[in-house]
């Protein structure tokens, strides 16, 4: 990262970075919860198949 001196438009840049970071984290979390959900569904399917 180059010099951390604040430029006039750095506040807007920081806001954009912050919003982008929030969006990224939310997307990661959605992906994570969806992944664990599909794992649970997979376990259910496996259990049903084993019951047969």
PDB file of N, CA and C in Angstrom:
ATOM      1  N   UNK A   1       0.850  -1.201   0.000  1.00  0.00           N
ATOM      2  CA  UNK A   1       0.000   0.000   0.000  1.00  0.00           C
ATOM      3  C   UNK A   1       0.879   1.241   0.000  1.00  0.00           C
ATOM      4  N   UNK A   2       0.621   2.169  -0.902  1.00  0.00           N
ATOM      5  CA  UNK A   2       1.437   3.379  -0.940  1.00  0.00           C
ATOM      6  C   UNK A   2       0.982   4.362   0.115  1.00  0.00           C
ATOM      7  N   UNK A   3       1.753   5.424   0.284  1.00  0.00           N
ATOM      8  CA  UNK A   3       1.555   6.422   1.341  1.00  0.00           C
ATOM      9  C   UNK A   3       0.141   6.545   1.862  1.00  0.00           C
ATOM     10  N   UNK A   4       0.004   6.521   3.175  1.00  0.00           N
ATOM     11  CA  UNK A   4      -1.329   6.574   3.781  1.00  0.00           C
ATOM     12  C   UNK A   4      -1.748   8.006   4.077  1.00  0.00           C
ATOM     13  N   UNK A   5      -1.212   8.981   3.313  1.00  0.00           N
ATOM     14  CA  UNK A   5      -1.659  10.370   3.489  1.00  0.00           C
ATOM     15  C   UNK A   5      -3.058  10.520   2.906  1.00  0.00           C
ATOM     16  N   UNK A   6      -3.913  11.230   3.619  1.00  0.00           N
ATOM     17  CA  UNK A   6      -5.299  11.370   3.179  1.00  0.00           C
ATOM     18  C   UNK A   6      -5.393  12.372   2.043  1.00  0.00           C
ATOM     19  N   UNK A   7      -6.023  11.946   0.967  1.00  0.00           N
ATOM     20  CA  UNK A   7      -6.284  12.852  -0.154  1.00  0.00           C
ATOM     21  C   UNK A   7      -7.719  13.352  -0.018  1.00  0.00           C
ATOM     22  N   UNK A   8      -8.064  14.437  -0.721  1.00  0.00           N
ATOM     23  CA  UNK A   8      -9.426  14.996  -0.605  1.00  0.00           C
ATOM     24  C   UNK A   8     -10.518  13.955  -0.863  1.00  0.00           C
ATOM     25  N   UNK A   9     -10.315  13.088  -1.850  1.00  0.00           N
ATOM     26  CA  UNK A   9     -11.380  12.137  -2.189  1.00  0.00           C
ATOM     27  C   UNK A   9     -11.169  10.796  -1.509  1.00  0.00           C
ATOM     28  N   UNK A  10     -10.291  10.755  -0.502  1.00  0.00           N
ATOM     29  CA  UNK A  10      -9.996   9.473   0.141  1.00  0.00           C
ATOM     30  C   UNK A  10     -11.191   8.992   0.962  1.00  0.00           C
ATOM     31  N   UNK A  11     -12.009   9.927   1.451  1.00  0.00           N
ATOM     32  CA  UNK A  11     -13.177   9.517   2.236  1.00  0.00           C
ATOM     33  C   UNK A  11     -14.127   8.698   1.366  1.00  0.00           C
ATOM     34  N   UNK A  12     -14.336   9.186   0.122  1.00  0.00           N
ATOM     35  CA  UNK A  12     -15.210   8.455  -0.789  1.00  0.00           C
ATOM     36  C   UNK A  12     -14.602   7.094  -1.123  1.00  0.00           C
ATOM     37  N   UNK A  13     -13.301   7.082  -1.323  1.00  0.00           N
ATOM     38  CA  UNK A  13     -12.628   5.816  -1.616  1.00  0.00           C
ATOM     39  C   UNK A  13     -12.795   4.853  -0.455  1.00  0.00           C
ATOM     40  N   UNK A  14     -12.612   5.371   0.773  1.00  0.00           N
ATOM     41  CA  UNK A  14     -12.761   4.525   1.953  1.00  0.00           C
ATOM     42  C   UNK A  14     -14.176   3.967   2.027  1.00  0.00           C
ATOM     43  N   UNK A  15     -15.169   4.830   1.729  1.00  0.00           N
ATOM     44  CA  UNK A  15     -16.560   4.376   1.767  1.00  0.00           C
ATOM     45  C   UNK A  15     -16.783   3.261   0.753  1.00  0.00           C
ATOM     46  N   UNK A  16     -16.251   3.459  -0.467  1.00  0.00           N
ATOM     47  CA  UNK A  16     -16.410   2.441  -1.500  1.00  0.00           C
ATOM     48  C   UNK A  16     -15.744   1.141  -1.070  1.00  0.00           C
ATOM     49  N   UNK A  17     -14.545   1.257  -0.519  1.00  0.00           N
ATOM     50  CA  UNK A  17     -13.831   0.060  -0.066  1.00  0.00           C
ATOM     51  C   UNK A  17     -14.626  -0.637   1.028  1.00  0.00           C
ATOM     52  N   UNK A  18     -15.166   0.166   1.964  1.00  0.00           N
ATOM     53  CA  UNK A  18     -15.924  -0.402   3.081  1.00  0.00           C
ATOM     54  C   UNK A  18     -17.165  -1.135   2.576  1.00  0.00           C
ATOM     55  N   UNK A  19     -17.897  -0.479   1.659  1.00  0.00           N
ATOM     56  CA  UNK A  19     -19.107  -1.102   1.130  1.00  0.00           C
ATOM     57  C   UNK A  19     -18.759  -2.369   0.361  1.00  0.00           C
ATOM     58  N   UNK A  20     -17.696  -2.294  -0.443  1.00  0.00           N
ATOM     59  CA  UNK A  20     -17.280  -3.466  -1.196  1.00  0.00           C
ATOM     60  C   UNK A  20     -16.894  -4.600  -0.266  1.00  0.00           C
ATOM     61  N   UNK A  21     -16.217  -4.243   0.831  1.00  0.00           N
ATOM     62  CA  UNK A  21     -15.792  -5.254   1.798  1.00  0.00           C
ATOM     63  C   UNK A  21     -17.004  -5.890   2.465  1.00  0.00           C
ATOM     64  N   UNK A  22     -17.973  -5.058   2.850  1.00  0.00           N
ATOM     65  CA  UNK A  22     -19.200  -5.583   3.465  1.00  0.00           C
ATOM     66  C   UNK A  22     -19.892  -6.549   2.515  1.00  0.00           C
ATOM     67  N   UNK A  23     -20.013  -6.128   1.238  1.00  0.00           N
ATOM     68  CA  UNK A  23     -20.677  -6.964   0.246  1.00  0.00           C
ATOM     69  C   UNK A  23     -19.934  -8.288   0.103  1.00  0.00           C
ATOM     70  N   UNK A  24     -18.595  -8.211   0.080  1.00  0.00           N
ATOM     71  CA  UNK A  24     -17.773  -9.408  -0.061  1.00  0.00           C
ATOM     72  C   UNK A  24     -17.996 -10.354   1.111  1.00  0.00           C
ATOM     73  N   UNK A  25     -18.004  -9.794   2.326  1.00  0.00           N
ATOM     74  CA  UNK A  25     -18.189 -10.620   3.523  1.00  0.00           C
ATOM     75  C   UNK A  25     -19.568 -11.268   3.503  1.00  0.00           C
ATOM     76  N   UNK A  26     -20.587 -10.486   3.115  1.00  0.00           N
ATOM     77  CA  UNK A  26     -21.943 -11.032   3.090  1.00  0.00           C
ATOM     78  C   UNK A  26     -22.031 -12.162   2.068  1.00  0.00           C
ATOM     79  N   UNK A  27     -21.418 -11.957   0.907  1.00  0.00           N
ATOM     80  CA  UNK A  27     -21.444 -12.996  -0.120  1.00  0.00           C
ATOM     81  C   UNK A  27     -20.739 -14.246   0.385  1.00  0.00           C
ATOM     82  N   UNK A  28     -19.602 -14.062   1.048  1.00  0.00           N
ATOM     83  CA  UNK A  28     -18.871 -15.201   1.593  1.00  0.00           C
ATOM     84  C   UNK A  28     -19.747 -15.934   2.611  1.00  0.00           C
ATOM     85  N   UNK A  29     -20.438 -15.165   3.476  1.00  0.00           N
ATOM     86  CA  UNK A  29     -21.246 -15.794   4.522  1.00  0.00           C
ATOM     87  C   UNK A  29     -22.410 -16.555   3.895  1.00  0.00           C
ATOM     88  N   UNK A  30     -23.057 -15.944   2.873  1.00  0.00           N
ATOM     89  CA  UNK A  30     -24.161 -16.630   2.200  1.00  0.00           C
ATOM     90  C   UNK A  30     -23.667 -17.932   1.590  1.00  0.00           C
ATOM     91  N   UNK A  31     -22.500 -17.867   0.941  1.00  0.00           N
ATOM     92  CA  UNK A  31     -21.933 -19.056   0.328  1.00  0.00           C
ATOM     93  C   UNK A  31     -21.663 -20.104   1.393  1.00  0.00           C
ATOM     94  N   UNK A  32     -21.139 -19.658   2.537  1.00  0.00           N
ATOM     95  CA  UNK A  32     -20.798 -20.592   3.611  1.00  0.00           C
ATOM     96  C   UNK A  32     -22.055 -21.268   4.150  1.00  0.00           C
ATOM     97  N   UNK A  33     -23.098 -20.480   4.454  1.00  0.00           N
ATOM     98  CA  UNK A  33     -24.313 -21.066   5.025  1.00  0.00           C
ATOM     99  C   UNK A  33     -25.003 -21.954   3.993  1.00  0.00           C
ATOM    100  N   UNK A  34     -24.961 -21.534   2.701  1.00  0.00           N
ATOM    101  CA  UNK A  34     -25.557 -22.376   1.669  1.00  0.00           C
ATOM    102  C   UNK A  34     -24.787 -23.686   1.570  1.00  0.00           C
ATOM    103  N   UNK A  35     -23.457 -23.613   1.687  1.00  0.00           N
ATOM    104  CA  UNK A  35     -22.630 -24.814   1.610  1.00  0.00           C
ATOM    105  C   UNK A  35     -22.964 -25.784   2.726  1.00  0.00           C
ATOM    106  N   UNK A  36     -23.071 -25.283   3.960  1.00  0.00           N
ATOM    107  CA  UNK A  36     -23.365 -26.181   5.079  1.00  0.00           C
ATOM    108  C   UNK A  36     -24.785 -26.726   4.952  1.00  0.00           C
ATOM    109  N   UNK A  37     -25.693 -25.922   4.389  1.00  0.00           N
ATOM    110  CA  UNK A  37     -27.056 -26.404   4.175  1.00  0.00           C
ATOM    111  C   UNK A  37     -27.051 -27.567   3.196  1.00  0.00           C
ATOM    112  N   UNK A  38     -26.323 -27.407   2.078  1.00  0.00           N
ATOM    113  CA  UNK A  38     -26.299 -28.475   1.083  1.00  0.00           C
ATOM    114  C   UNK A  38     -25.626 -29.714   1.658  1.00  0.00           C
ATOM    115  N   UNK A  39     -24.667 -29.528   2.569  1.00  0.00           N
ATOM    116  CA  UNK A  39     -24.040 -30.682   3.221  1.00  0.00           C
ATOM    117  C   UNK A  39     -25.082 -31.421   4.052  1.00  0.00           C
ATOM    118  N   UNK A  40     -25.916 -30.668   4.772  1.00  0.00           N
ATOM    119  CA  UNK A  40     -26.964 -31.306   5.574  1.00  0.00           C
ATOM    120  C   UNK A  40     -27.946 -32.043   4.675  1.00  0.00           C
ATOM    121  N   UNK A  41     -28.316 -31.419   3.547  1.00  0.00           N
ATOM    122  CA  UNK A  41     -29.233 -32.073   2.609  1.00  0.00           C
ATOM    123  C   UNK A  41     -28.595 -33.359   2.090  1.00  0.00           C
ATOM    124  N   UNK A  42     -27.287 -33.294   1.797  1.00  0.00           N
ATOM    125  CA  UNK A  42     -26.578 -34.482   1.333  1.00  0.00           C
ATOM    126  C   UNK A  42     -26.617 -35.586   2.375  1.00  0.00           C
ATOM    127  N   UNK A  43     -26.454 -35.218   3.640  1.00  0.00           N
ATOM    128  CA  UNK A  43     -26.522 -36.218   4.712  1.00  0.00           C
ATOM    129  C   UNK A  43     -27.909 -36.850   4.763  1.00  0.00           C
ATOM    130  N   UNK A  44     -28.949 -36.018   4.615  1.00  0.00           N
ATOM    131  CA  UNK A  44     -30.321 -36.537   4.628  1.00  0.00           C
ATOM    132  C   UNK A  44     -30.511 -37.540   3.496  1.00  0.00           C
ATOM    133  N   UNK A  45     -30.064 -37.157   2.292  1.00  0.00           N
ATOM    134  CA  UNK A  45     -30.221 -38.041   1.135  1.00  0.00           C
ATOM    135  C   UNK A  45     -29.474 -39.345   1.379  1.00  0.00           C
ATOM    136  N   UNK A  46     -28.256 -39.238   1.913  1.00  0.00           N
ATOM    137  CA  UNK A  46     -27.468 -40.448   2.193  1.00  0.00           C
ATOM    138  C   UNK A  46     -28.198 -41.337   3.190  1.00  0.00           C
ATOM    139  N   UNK A  47     -28.793 -40.726   4.211  1.00  0.00           N
ATOM    140  CA  UNK A  47     -29.511 -41.499   5.223  1.00  0.00           C
ATOM    141  C   UNK A  47     -30.696 -42.226   4.583  1.00  0.00           C
ATOM    142  N   UNK A  48     -31.437 -41.508   3.712  1.00  0.00           N
ATOM    143  CA  UNK A  48     -32.598 -42.123   3.054  1.00  0.00           C
ATOM    144  C   UNK A  48     -32.152 -43.294   2.180  1.00  0.00           C
ATOM    145  N   UNK A  49     -31.046 -43.085   1.447  1.00  0.00           N
ATOM    146  CA  UNK A  49     -30.555 -44.159   0.579  1.00  0.00           C
ATOM    147  C   UNK A  49     -30.134 -45.353   1.431  1.00  0.00           C
ATOM    148  N   UNK A  50     -29.483 -45.085   2.554  1.00  0.00           N
ATOM    149  CA  UNK A  50     -29.039 -46.181   3.430  1.00  0.00           C
ATOM    150  C   UNK A  50     -30.238 -46.912   4.024  1.00  0.00           C
ATOM    151  N   UNK A  51     -31.356 -46.192   4.236  1.00  0.00           N
ATOM    152  CA  UNK A  51     -32.547 -46.838   4.786  1.00  0.00           C
ATOM    153  C   UNK A  51     -33.102 -47.855   3.801  1.00  0.00           C
ATOM    154  N   UNK A  52     -33.009 -47.564   2.498  1.00  0.00           N
ATOM    155  CA  UNK A  52     -33.454 -48.527   1.500  1.00  0.00           C
ATOM    156  C   UNK A  52     -32.469 -49.687   1.515  1.00  0.00           C
TER     157      UNK A  52
END
